[in-house]
Amino acid sequence: MITQVLAQATVTDLDRARNWYDRLFERSPDANPMPGLLEYHLGESFGVQVWLEPDRAGHSSVVLTETDLDGAAARLREVGLTDSDAGPISSGRALMLTDPDGNRVVLVGA
């Protein structure tokens, strides 16, 4: 039985990525289980890993459901992670973000 899911974004520079993901999640990583790996635990059974792997960097996608998409967009504009608003998709709305390595982070909501 699967009990946890960790999405992963591969990056070329862990310090630069940490700065970006700290601003995205409004906090520091919850764990650094091994060199080159940061974990943000977003709930009891889910989270995001930021993994230093230069050869694969920039090819990840992470989709996160946000309860207050407009509030998140406003906050992310303030911290310089986007200059956009959420746009329509078939199942609601989405805010598309790109980390410094080109990984796609999508916030979705109603």
PDB file of N, CA and C in Angstrom:
ATOM      1  N   MET A   1       0.834  -1.162   0.000  1.00  0.00           N
ATOM      2  CA  MET A   1       0.000   0.000   0.000  1.00  0.00           C
ATOM      3  C   MET A   1       0.893   1.245   0.000  1.00  0.00           C
ATOM      4  N   ILE A   2       0.614   2.172  -0.894  1.00  0.00           N
ATOM      5  CA  ILE A   2       1.348   3.446  -0.976  1.00  0.00           C
ATOM      6  C   ILE A   2       0.750   4.406   0.038  1.00  0.00           C
ATOM      7  N   THR A   3       1.604   5.046   0.825  1.00  0.00           N
ATOM      8  CA  THR A   3       1.117   5.938   1.878  1.00  0.00           C
ATOM      9  C   THR A   3       1.635   7.368   1.759  1.00  0.00           C
ATOM     10  N   GLN A   4       2.537   7.625   0.810  1.00  0.00           N
ATOM     11  CA  GLN A   4       3.089   8.967   0.686  1.00  0.00           C
ATOM     12  C   GLN A   4       3.473   9.237  -0.762  1.00  0.00           C
ATOM     13  N   VAL A   5       3.353  10.490  -1.183  1.00  0.00           N
ATOM     14  CA  VAL A   5       3.774  10.912  -2.508  1.00  0.00           C
ATOM     15  C   VAL A   5       4.662  12.144  -2.357  1.00  0.00           C
ATOM     16  N   LEU A   6       5.817  12.110  -3.003  1.00  0.00           N
ATOM     17  CA  LEU A   6       6.706  13.264  -3.051  1.00  0.00           C
ATOM     18  C   LEU A   6       6.980  13.577  -4.511  1.00  0.00           C
ATOM     19  N   ALA A   7       6.502  14.715  -4.978  1.00  0.00           N
ATOM     20  CA  ALA A   7       6.835  15.173  -6.322  1.00  0.00           C
ATOM     21  C   ALA A   7       8.279  15.640  -6.290  1.00  0.00           C
ATOM     22  N   GLN A   8       8.946  15.627  -7.440  1.00  0.00           N
ATOM     23  CA  GLN A   8      10.354  15.994  -7.446  1.00  0.00           C
ATOM     24  C   GLN A   8      10.664  16.969  -8.571  1.00  0.00           C
ATOM     25  N   ALA A   9      11.496  17.951  -8.242  1.00  0.00           N
ATOM     26  CA  ALA A   9      12.025  18.884  -9.228  1.00  0.00           C
ATOM     27  C   ALA A   9      13.546  18.755  -9.206  1.00  0.00           C
ATOM     28  N   THR A  10      14.135  18.516 -10.365  1.00  0.00           N
ATOM     29  CA  THR A  10      15.587  18.388 -10.463  1.00  0.00           C
ATOM     30  C   THR A  10      16.188  19.728 -10.852  1.00  0.00           C
ATOM     31  N   VAL A  11      17.309  20.079 -10.192  1.00  0.00           N
ATOM     32  CA  VAL A  11      17.893  21.403 -10.357  1.00  0.00           C
ATOM     33  C   VAL A  11      19.405  21.331 -10.553  1.00  0.00           C
ATOM     34  N   THR A  12      19.982  22.452 -11.024  1.00  0.00           N
ATOM     35  CA  THR A  12      21.431  22.533 -11.231  1.00  0.00           C
ATOM     36  C   THR A  12      22.160  23.204 -10.083  1.00  0.00           C
ATOM     37  N   ASP A  13      21.450  24.025  -9.313  1.00  0.00           N
ATOM     38  CA  ASP A  13      22.062  24.789  -8.226  1.00  0.00           C
ATOM     39  C   ASP A  13      21.126  24.733  -7.027  1.00  0.00           C
ATOM     40  N   LEU A  14      21.494  23.980  -6.011  1.00  0.00           N
ATOM     41  CA  LEU A  14      20.607  23.758  -4.875  1.00  0.00           C
ATOM     42  C   LEU A  14      20.361  25.030  -4.067  1.00  0.00           C
ATOM     43  N   ASP A  15      21.354  25.882  -3.905  1.00  0.00           N
ATOM     44  CA  ASP A  15      21.159  27.126  -3.154  1.00  0.00           C
ATOM     45  C   ASP A  15      20.180  28.048  -3.873  1.00  0.00           C
ATOM     46  N   ARG A  16      20.339  28.189  -5.182  1.00  0.00           N
ATOM     47  CA  ARG A  16      19.432  29.036  -5.960  1.00  0.00           C
ATOM     48  C   ARG A  16      18.012  28.464  -5.924  1.00  0.00           C
ATOM     49  N   ALA A  17      17.906  27.143  -6.060  1.00  0.00           N
ATOM     50  CA  ALA A  17      16.596  26.494  -6.023  1.00  0.00           C
ATOM     51  C   ALA A  17      15.965  26.643  -4.644  1.00  0.00           C
ATOM     52  N   ARG A  18      16.766  26.484  -3.596  1.00  0.00           N
ATOM     53  CA  ARG A  18      16.218  26.625  -2.240  1.00  0.00           C
ATOM     54  C   ARG A  18      15.633  28.022  -2.051  1.00  0.00           C
ATOM     55  N   ASN A  19      16.312  29.030  -2.506  1.00  0.00           N
ATOM     56  CA  ASN A  19      15.790  30.389  -2.397  1.00  0.00           C
ATOM     57  C   ASN A  19      14.428  30.496  -3.067  1.00  0.00           C
ATOM     58  N   TRP A  20      14.299  29.946  -4.258  1.00  0.00           N
ATOM     59  CA  TRP A  20      13.049  30.016  -5.020  1.00  0.00           C
ATOM     60  C   TRP A  20      11.940  29.224  -4.322  1.00  0.00           C
ATOM     61  N   TYR A  21      12.213  27.974  -3.937  1.00  0.00           N
ATOM     62  CA  TYR A  21      11.192  27.130  -3.307  1.00  0.00           C
ATOM     63  C   TYR A  21      10.849  27.614  -1.898  1.00  0.00           C
ATOM     64  N   ASP A  22      11.797  28.198  -1.183  1.00  0.00           N
ATOM     65  CA  ASP A  22      11.483  28.818   0.116  1.00  0.00           C
ATOM     66  C   ASP A  22      10.464  29.931  -0.053  1.00  0.00           C
ATOM     67  N   ARG A  23      10.613  30.736  -1.104  1.00  0.00           N
ATOM     68  CA  ARG A  23       9.650  31.806  -1.371  1.00  0.00           C
ATOM     69  C   ARG A  23       8.309  31.231  -1.817  1.00  0.00           C
ATOM     70  N   LEU A  24       8.343  30.162  -2.607  1.00  0.00           N
ATOM     71  CA  LEU A  24       7.096  29.525  -3.052  1.00  0.00           C
ATOM     72  C   LEU A  24       6.306  28.992  -1.861  1.00  0.00           C
ATOM     73  N   PHE A  25       6.984  28.265  -0.979  1.00  0.00           N
ATOM     74  CA  PHE A  25       6.295  27.612   0.134  1.00  0.00           C
ATOM     75  C   PHE A  25       6.280  28.444   1.420  1.00  0.00           C
ATOM     76  N   GLU A  26       6.893  29.625   1.382  1.00  0.00           N
ATOM     77  CA  GLU A  26       6.944  30.540   2.523  1.00  0.00           C
ATOM     78  C   GLU A  26       7.641  29.934   3.743  1.00  0.00           C
ATOM     79  N   ARG A  27       8.648  29.100   3.503  1.00  0.00           N
ATOM     80  CA  ARG A  27       9.387  28.499   4.616  1.00  0.00           C
ATOM     81  C   ARG A  27      10.587  27.737   4.096  1.00  0.00           C
ATOM     82  N   SER A  28      11.412  27.345   5.021  1.00  0.00           N
ATOM     83  CA  SER A  28      12.589  26.534   4.701  1.00  0.00           C
ATOM     84  C   SER A  28      12.187  25.076   4.531  1.00  0.00           C
ATOM     85  N   PRO A  29      13.059  24.256   3.930  1.00  0.00           N
ATOM     86  CA  PRO A  29      12.758  22.834   3.792  1.00  0.00           C
ATOM     87  C   PRO A  29      12.549  22.175   5.155  1.00  0.00           C
ATOM     88  N   ASP A  30      11.749  21.136   5.162  1.00  0.00           N
ATOM     89  CA  ASP A  30      11.506  20.364   6.379  1.00  0.00           C
ATOM     90  C   ASP A  30      12.582  19.325   6.618  1.00  0.00           C
ATOM     91  N   ALA A  31      13.252  18.906   5.565  1.00  0.00           N
ATOM     92  CA  ALA A  31      14.262  17.860   5.714  1.00  0.00           C
ATOM     93  C   ALA A  31      15.333  18.013   4.650  1.00  0.00           C
ATOM     94  N   ASN A  32      16.508  17.531   4.988  1.00  0.00           N
ATOM     95  CA  ASN A  32      17.647  17.440   4.080  1.00  0.00           C
ATOM     96  C   ASN A  32      18.211  16.029   4.288  1.00  0.00           C
ATOM     97  N   PRO A  33      17.480  15.009   3.770  1.00  0.00           N
ATOM     98  CA  PRO A  33      17.792  13.621   4.111  1.00  0.00           C
ATOM     99  C   PRO A  33      19.154  13.129   3.628  1.00  0.00           C
ATOM    100  N   MET A  34      19.707  13.812   2.656  1.00  0.00           N
ATOM    101  CA  MET A  34      21.030  13.438   2.154  1.00  0.00           C
ATOM    102  C   MET A  34      21.581  14.621   1.372  1.00  0.00           C
ATOM    103  N   PRO A  35      22.879  14.653   1.132  1.00  0.00           N
ATOM    104  CA  PRO A  35      23.436  15.764   0.351  1.00  0.00           C
ATOM    105  C   PRO A  35      22.745  15.886  -1.009  1.00  0.00           C
ATOM    106  N   GLY A  36      22.395  17.112  -1.381  1.00  0.00           N
ATOM    107  CA  GLY A  36      21.781  17.357  -2.678  1.00  0.00           C
ATOM    108  C   GLY A  36      20.283  17.190  -2.716  1.00  0.00           C
ATOM    109  N   LEU A  37      19.644  16.972  -1.568  1.00  0.00           N
ATOM    110  CA  LEU A  37      18.195  16.740  -1.553  1.00  0.00           C
ATOM    111  C   LEU A  37      17.536  17.554  -0.448  1.00  0.00           C
ATOM    112  N   LEU A  38      16.535  18.344  -0.842  1.00  0.00           N
ATOM    113  CA  LEU A  38      15.713  19.105   0.101  1.00  0.00           C
ATOM    114  C   LEU A  38      14.284  18.604   0.001  1.00  0.00           C
ATOM    115  N   GLU A  39      13.587  18.555   1.127  1.00  0.00           N
ATOM    116  CA  GLU A  39      12.191  18.134   1.121  1.00  0.00           C
ATOM    117  C   GLU A  39      11.318  19.169   1.823  1.00  0.00           C
ATOM    118  N   TYR A  40      10.230  19.503   1.167  1.00  0.00           N
ATOM    119  CA  TYR A  40       9.199  20.360   1.730  1.00  0.00           C
ATOM    120  C   TYR A  40       7.984  19.468   1.968  1.00  0.00           C
ATOM    121  N   HIS A  41       7.648  19.221   3.219  1.00  0.00           N
ATOM    122  CA  HIS A  41       6.501  18.381   3.558  1.00  0.00           C
ATOM    123  C   HIS A  41       5.277  19.281   3.636  1.00  0.00           C
ATOM    124  N   LEU A  42       4.408  19.154   2.667  1.00  0.00           N
ATOM    125  CA  LEU A  42       3.266  20.054   2.542  1.00  0.00           C
ATOM    126  C   LEU A  42       2.017  19.534   3.231  1.00  0.00           C
ATOM    127  N   GLY A  43       2.049  18.304   3.630  1.00  0.00           N
ATOM    128  CA  GLY A  43       0.943  17.662   4.336  1.00  0.00           C
ATOM    129  C   GLY A  43       1.469  16.394   4.971  1.00  0.00           C
ATOM    130  N   GLU A  44       0.594  15.679   5.626  1.00  0.00           N
ATOM    131  CA  GLU A  44       1.022  14.466   6.309  1.00  0.00           C
ATOM    132  C   GLU A  44       1.590  13.415   5.356  1.00  0.00           C
ATOM    133  N   SER A  45       1.074  13.388   4.142  1.00  0.00           N
ATOM    134  CA  SER A  45       1.484  12.310   3.240  1.00  0.00           C
ATOM    135  C   SER A  45       1.891  12.796   1.851  1.00  0.00           C
ATOM    136  N   PHE A  46       2.239  14.079   1.735  1.00  0.00           N
ATOM    137  CA  PHE A  46       2.662  14.575   0.424  1.00  0.00           C
ATOM    138  C   PHE A  46       3.631  15.737   0.583  1.00  0.00           C
ATOM    139  N   GLY A  47       4.404  15.948  -0.461  1.00  0.00           N
ATOM    140  CA  GLY A  47       5.361  17.037  -0.438  1.00  0.00           C
ATOM    141  C   GLY A  47       6.127  17.135  -1.740  1.00  0.00           C
ATOM    142  N   VAL A  48       7.161  17.969  -1.710  1.00  0.00           N
ATOM    143  CA  VAL A  48       7.992  18.210  -2.888  1.00  0.00           C
ATOM    144  C   VAL A  48       9.456  18.034  -2.501  1.00  0.00           C
ATOM    145  N   GLN A  49      10.172  17.295  -3.328  1.00  0.00           N
ATOM    146  CA  GLN A  49      11.614  17.165  -3.190  1.00  0.00           C
ATOM    147  C   GLN A  49      12.287  18.048  -4.233  1.00  0.00           C
ATOM    148  N   VAL A  50      13.357  18.702  -3.830  1.00  0.00           N
ATOM    149  CA  VAL A  50      14.192  19.468  -4.751  1.00  0.00           C
ATOM    150  C   VAL A  50      15.536  18.757  -4.753  1.00  0.00           C
ATOM    151  N   TRP A  51      15.890  18.212  -5.908  1.00  0.00           N
ATOM    152  CA  TRP A  51      17.009  17.289  -6.031  1.00  0.00           C
ATOM    153  C   TRP A  51      18.071  17.857  -6.952  1.00  0.00           C
ATOM    154  N   LEU A  52      19.292  17.928  -6.461  1.00  0.00           N
ATOM    155  CA  LEU A  52      20.417  18.380  -7.279  1.00  0.00           C
ATOM    156  C   LEU A  52      20.806  17.263  -8.239  1.00  0.00           C
ATOM    157  N   GLU A  53      20.473  17.450  -9.499  1.00  0.00           N
ATOM    158  CA  GLU A  53      20.801  16.481 -10.543  1.00  0.00           C
ATOM    159  C   GLU A  53      20.931  17.244 -11.864  1.00  0.00           C
ATOM    160  N   PRO A  54      22.093  17.888 -12.058  1.00  0.00           N
ATOM    161  CA  PRO A  54      22.273  18.783 -13.205  1.00  0.00           C
ATOM    162  C   PRO A  54      21.950  18.162 -14.566  1.00  0.00           C
ATOM    163  N   ASP A  55      22.232  16.888 -14.770  1.00  0.00           N
ATOM    164  CA  ASP A  55      21.992  16.273 -16.076  1.00  0.00           C
ATOM    165  C   ASP A  55      20.507  16.170 -16.416  1.00  0.00           C
ATOM    166  N   ARG A  56      19.647  16.121 -15.407  1.00  0.00           N
ATOM    167  CA  ARG A  56      18.203  16.008 -15.640  1.00  0.00           C
ATOM    168  C   ARG A  56      17.448  17.288 -15.312  1.00  0.00           C
ATOM    169  N   ALA A  57      18.143  18.300 -14.861  1.00  0.00           N
ATOM    170  CA  ALA A  57      17.497  19.527 -14.377  1.00  0.00           C
ATOM    171  C   ALA A  57      16.636  20.190 -15.437  1.00  0.00           C
ATOM    172  N   GLY A  58      15.540  20.772 -14.976  1.00  0.00           N
ATOM    173  CA  GLY A  58      14.680  21.552 -15.854  1.00  0.00           C
ATOM    174  C   GLY A  58      13.633  20.766 -16.607  1.00  0.00           C
ATOM    175  N   HIS A  59      13.483  19.484 -16.326  1.00  0.00           N
ATOM    176  CA  HIS A  59      12.510  18.664 -17.062  1.00  0.00           C
ATOM    177  C   HIS A  59      11.400  18.134 -16.160  1.00  0.00           C
ATOM    178  N   SER A  60      11.227  18.741 -14.991  1.00  0.00           N
ATOM    179  CA  SER A  60      10.224  18.270 -14.033  1.00  0.00           C
ATOM    180  C   SER A  60       8.960  19.123 -14.110  1.00  0.00           C
ATOM    181  N   SER A  61       7.856  18.507 -13.701  1.00  0.00           N
ATOM    182  CA  SER A  61       6.592  19.219 -13.533  1.00  0.00           C
ATOM    183  C   SER A  61       6.000  18.823 -12.193  1.00  0.00           C
ATOM    184  N   VAL A  62       5.517  19.811 -11.472  1.00  0.00           N
ATOM    185  CA  VAL A  62       4.873  19.596 -10.185  1.00  0.00           C
ATOM    186  C   VAL A  62       3.538  20.315 -10.242  1.00  0.00           C
ATOM    187  N   VAL A  63       2.449  19.629  -9.901  1.00  0.00           N
ATOM    188  CA  VAL A  63       1.119  20.232  -9.881  1.00  0.00           C
ATOM    189  C   VAL A  63       0.613  20.180  -8.446  1.00  0.00           C
ATOM    190  N   LEU A  64       0.227  21.350  -7.932  1.00  0.00           N
ATOM    191  CA  LEU A  64      -0.229  21.468  -6.547  1.00  0.00           C
ATOM    192  C   LEU A  64      -1.599  22.139  -6.527  1.00  0.00           C
ATOM    193  N   THR A  65      -2.521  21.598  -5.763  1.00  0.00           N
ATOM    194  CA  THR A  65      -3.838  22.222  -5.616  1.00  0.00           C
ATOM    195  C   THR A  65      -3.763  23.268  -4.512  1.00  0.00           C
ATOM    196  N   GLU A  66      -4.231  24.453  -4.829  1.00  0.00           N
ATOM    197  CA  GLU A  66      -4.191  25.604  -3.911  1.00  0.00           C
ATOM    198  C   GLU A  66      -5.614  25.989  -3.538  1.00  0.00           C
ATOM    199  N   THR A  67      -5.888  26.158  -2.245  1.00  0.00           N
ATOM    200  CA  THR A  67      -7.240  26.510  -1.807  1.00  0.00           C
ATOM    201  C   THR A  67      -7.586  27.972  -2.091  1.00  0.00           C
ATOM    202  N   ASP A  68      -6.602  28.853  -2.140  1.00  0.00           N
ATOM    203  CA  ASP A  68      -6.829  30.279  -2.422  1.00  0.00           C
ATOM    204  C   ASP A  68      -5.893  30.699  -3.552  1.00  0.00           C
ATOM    205  N   LEU A  69      -6.282  30.374  -4.756  1.00  0.00           N
ATOM    206  CA  LEU A  69      -5.427  30.612  -5.914  1.00  0.00           C
ATOM    207  C   LEU A  69      -5.166  32.102  -6.141  1.00  0.00           C
ATOM    208  N   ASP A  70      -6.170  32.942  -5.959  1.00  0.00           N
ATOM    209  CA  ASP A  70      -5.969  34.378  -6.146  1.00  0.00           C
ATOM    210  C   ASP A  70      -5.028  34.938  -5.086  1.00  0.00           C
ATOM    211  N   GLY A  71      -5.197  34.504  -3.843  1.00  0.00           N
ATOM    212  CA  GLY A  71      -4.302  34.938  -2.775  1.00  0.00           C
ATOM    213  C   GLY A  71      -2.879  34.474  -3.019  1.00  0.00           C
ATOM    214  N   ALA A  72      -2.734  33.239  -3.482  1.00  0.00           N
ATOM    215  CA  ALA A  72      -1.397  32.711  -3.786  1.00  0.00           C
ATOM    216  C   ALA A  72      -0.758  33.510  -4.912  1.00  0.00           C
ATOM    217  N   ALA A  73      -1.521  33.826  -5.954  1.00  0.00           N
ATOM    218  CA  ALA A  73      -0.979  34.600  -7.077  1.00  0.00           C
ATOM    219  C   ALA A  73      -0.513  35.970  -6.601  1.00  0.00           C
ATOM    220  N   ALA A  74      -1.296  36.622  -5.746  1.00  0.00           N
ATOM    221  CA  ALA A  74      -0.914  37.936  -5.235  1.00  0.00           C
ATOM    222  C   ALA A  74       0.364  37.838  -4.405  1.00  0.00           C
ATOM    223  N   ARG A  75       0.456  36.848  -3.539  1.00  0.00           N
ATOM    224  CA  ARG A  75       1.648  36.680  -2.713  1.00  0.00           C
ATOM    225  C   ARG A  75       2.867  36.370  -3.558  1.00  0.00           C
ATOM    226  N   LEU A  76       2.706  35.524  -4.573  1.00  0.00           N
ATOM    227  CA  LEU A  76       3.832  35.152  -5.429  1.00  0.00           C
ATOM    228  C   LEU A  76       4.281  36.318  -6.308  1.00  0.00           C
ATOM    229  N   ARG A  77       3.366  37.205  -6.672  1.00  0.00           N
ATOM    230  CA  ARG A  77       3.761  38.437  -7.368  1.00  0.00           C
ATOM    231  C   ARG A  77       4.616  39.298  -6.444  1.00  0.00           C
ATOM    232  N   GLU A  78       4.215  39.403  -5.176  1.00  0.00           N
ATOM    233  CA  GLU A  78       4.958  40.210  -4.201  1.00  0.00           C
ATOM    234  C   GLU A  78       6.387  39.729  -4.004  1.00  0.00           C
ATOM    235  N   VAL A  79       6.589  38.411  -4.032  1.00  0.00           N
ATOM    236  CA  VAL A  79       7.939  37.873  -3.794  1.00  0.00           C
ATOM    237  C   VAL A  79       8.703  37.638  -5.097  1.00  0.00           C
ATOM    238  N   GLY A  80       8.130  38.070  -6.220  1.00  0.00           N
ATOM    239  CA  GLY A  80       8.841  38.029  -7.494  1.00  0.00           C
ATOM    240  C   GLY A  80       8.874  36.701  -8.210  1.00  0.00           C
ATOM    241  N   LEU A  81       7.926  35.805  -7.908  1.00  0.00           N
ATOM    242  CA  LEU A  81       7.930  34.510  -8.596  1.00  0.00           C
ATOM    243  C   LEU A  81       7.008  34.480  -9.809  1.00  0.00           C
ATOM    244  N   THR A  82       6.158  35.472  -9.959  1.00  0.00           N
ATOM    245  CA  THR A  82       5.280  35.539 -11.126  1.00  0.00           C
ATOM    246  C   THR A  82       4.861  36.979 -11.356  1.00  0.00           C
ATOM    247  N   ASP A  83       4.399  37.247 -12.548  1.00  0.00           N
ATOM    248  CA  ASP A  83       3.760  38.521 -12.830  1.00  0.00           C
ATOM    249  C   ASP A  83       2.393  38.258 -13.453  1.00  0.00           C
ATOM    250  N   SER A  84       1.897  37.034 -13.276  1.00  0.00           N
ATOM    251  CA  SER A  84       0.647  36.605 -13.899  1.00  0.00           C
ATOM    252  C   SER A  84      -0.455  36.371 -12.881  1.00  0.00           C
ATOM    253  N   ASP A  85      -1.663  36.270 -13.414  1.00  0.00           N
ATOM    254  CA  ASP A  85      -2.818  35.817 -12.646  1.00  0.00           C
ATOM    255  C   ASP A  85      -3.134  34.396 -13.088  1.00  0.00           C
ATOM    256  N   ALA A  86      -3.946  33.716 -12.314  1.00  0.00           N
ATOM    257  CA  ALA A  86      -4.393  32.376 -12.703  1.00  0.00           C
ATOM    258  C   ALA A  86      -5.282  32.489 -13.932  1.00  0.00           C
ATOM    259  N   GLY A  87      -5.136  31.533 -14.829  1.00  0.00           N
ATOM    260  CA  GLY A  87      -5.943  31.507 -16.042  1.00  0.00           C
ATOM    261  C   GLY A  87      -6.821  30.274 -16.088  1.00  0.00           C
ATOM    262  N   PRO A  88      -7.818  30.279 -16.970  1.00  0.00           N
ATOM    263  CA  PRO A  88      -8.749  29.162 -17.039  1.00  0.00           C
ATOM    264  C   PRO A  88      -8.111  27.901 -17.635  1.00  0.00           C
ATOM    265  N   ILE A  89      -8.511  26.764 -17.093  1.00  0.00           N
ATOM    266  CA  ILE A  89      -8.216  25.443 -17.656  1.00  0.00           C
ATOM    267  C   ILE A  89      -9.529  24.672 -17.632  1.00  0.00           C
ATOM    268  N   SER A  90      -9.574  23.489 -18.211  1.00  0.00           N
ATOM    269  CA  SER A  90     -10.840  22.760 -18.324  1.00  0.00           C
ATOM    270  C   SER A  90     -11.462  22.407 -16.979  1.00  0.00           C
ATOM    271  N   SER A  91     -10.641  22.248 -15.941  1.00  0.00           N
ATOM    272  CA  SER A  91     -11.188  21.829 -14.649  1.00  0.00           C
ATOM    273  C   SER A  91     -11.141  22.932 -13.588  1.00  0.00           C
ATOM    274  N   GLY A  92     -10.955  24.174 -13.992  1.00  0.00           N
ATOM    275  CA  GLY A  92     -10.887  25.270 -13.030  1.00  0.00           C
ATOM    276  C   GLY A  92      -9.963  26.356 -13.519  1.00  0.00           C
ATOM    277  N   ARG A  93      -8.935  26.667 -12.704  1.00  0.00           N
ATOM    278  CA  ARG A  93      -7.964  27.681 -13.084  1.00  0.00           C
ATOM    279  C   ARG A  93      -6.573  27.209 -12.675  1.00  0.00           C
ATOM    280  N   ALA A  94      -5.558  27.789 -13.310  1.00  0.00           N
ATOM    281  CA  ALA A  94      -4.180  27.401 -13.012  1.00  0.00           C
ATOM    282  C   ALA A  94      -3.266  28.612 -13.085  1.00  0.00           C
ATOM    283  N   LEU A  95      -2.252  28.578 -12.237  1.00  0.00           N
ATOM    284  CA  LEU A  95      -1.190  29.567 -12.268  1.00  0.00           C
ATOM    285  C   LEU A  95       0.094  28.825 -12.603  1.00  0.00           C
ATOM    286  N   MET A  96       0.667  29.128 -13.749  1.00  0.00           N
ATOM    287  CA  MET A  96       1.882  28.460 -14.221  1.00  0.00           C
ATOM    288  C   MET A  96       3.111  29.214 -13.732  1.00  0.00           C
ATOM    289  N   LEU A  97       4.009  28.500 -13.079  1.00  0.00           N
ATOM    290  CA  LEU A  97       5.267  29.070 -12.603  1.00  0.00           C
ATOM    291  C   LEU A  97       6.417  28.282 -13.204  1.00  0.00           C
ATOM    292  N   THR A  98       7.569  28.905 -13.259  1.00  0.00           N
ATOM    293  CA  THR A  98       8.775  28.233 -13.743  1.00  0.00           C
ATOM    294  C   THR A  98       9.902  28.547 -12.779  1.00  0.00           C
ATOM    295  N   ASP A  99      10.548  27.502 -12.260  1.00  0.00           N
ATOM    296  CA  ASP A  99      11.660  27.734 -11.332  1.00  0.00           C
ATOM    297  C   ASP A  99      12.901  28.140 -12.131  1.00  0.00           C
ATOM    298  N   PRO A 100      13.996  28.499 -11.479  1.00  0.00           N
ATOM    299  CA  PRO A 100      15.179  28.994 -12.199  1.00  0.00           C
ATOM    300  C   PRO A 100      15.783  28.006 -13.202  1.00  0.00           C
ATOM    301  N   ASP A 101      15.512  26.715 -13.053  1.00  0.00           N
ATOM    302  CA  ASP A 101      16.037  25.731 -14.009  1.00  0.00           C
ATOM    303  C   ASP A 101      15.050  25.407 -15.121  1.00  0.00           C
ATOM    304  N   GLY A 102      13.862  25.976 -15.071  1.00  0.00           N
ATOM    305  CA  GLY A 102      12.874  25.710 -16.110  1.00  0.00           C
ATOM    306  C   GLY A 102      11.865  24.641 -15.733  1.00  0.00           C
ATOM    307  N   ASN A 103      11.922  24.113 -14.507  1.00  0.00           N
ATOM    308  CA  ASN A 103      10.902  23.165 -14.062  1.00  0.00           C
ATOM    309  C   ASN A 103       9.566  23.877 -13.965  1.00  0.00           C
ATOM    310  N   ARG A 104       8.516  23.188 -14.329  1.00  0.00           N
ATOM    311  CA  ARG A 104       7.173  23.760 -14.286  1.00  0.00           C
ATOM    312  C   ARG A 104       6.539  23.437 -12.945  1.00  0.00           C
ATOM    313  N   VAL A 105       6.031  24.467 -12.278  1.00  0.00           N
ATOM    314  CA  VAL A 105       5.255  24.309 -11.054  1.00  0.00           C
ATOM    315  C   VAL A 105       3.906  24.946 -11.326  1.00  0.00           C
ATOM    316  N   VAL A 106       2.851  24.152 -11.227  1.00  0.00           N
ATOM    317  CA  VAL A 106       1.508  24.618 -11.561  1.00  0.00           C
ATOM    318  C   VAL A 106       0.650  24.578 -10.306  1.00  0.00           C
ATOM    319  N   LEU A 107       0.067  25.710  -9.968  1.00  0.00           N
ATOM    320  CA  LEU A 107      -0.914  25.771  -8.889  1.00  0.00           C
ATOM    321  C   LEU A 107      -2.283  25.762  -9.521  1.00  0.00           C
ATOM    322  N   VAL A 108      -3.138  24.850  -9.091  1.00  0.00           N
ATOM    323  CA  VAL A 108      -4.492  24.744  -9.631  1.00  0.00           C
ATOM    324  C   VAL A 108      -5.502  24.978  -8.528  1.00  0.00           C
ATOM    325  N   GLY A 109      -6.679  25.435  -8.919  1.00  0.00           N
ATOM    326  CA  GLY A 109      -7.756  25.659  -7.962  1.00  0.00           C
ATOM    327  C   GLY A 109      -9.026  26.021  -8.682  1.00  0.00           C
ATOM    328  N   ALA A 110     -10.044  26.290  -7.884  1.00  0.00           N
ATOM    329  CA  ALA A 110     -11.358  26.617  -8.446  1.00  0.00           C
ATOM    330  C   ALA A 110     -11.361  28.033  -8.996  1.00  0.00           C
TER     331      ALA A 110
END
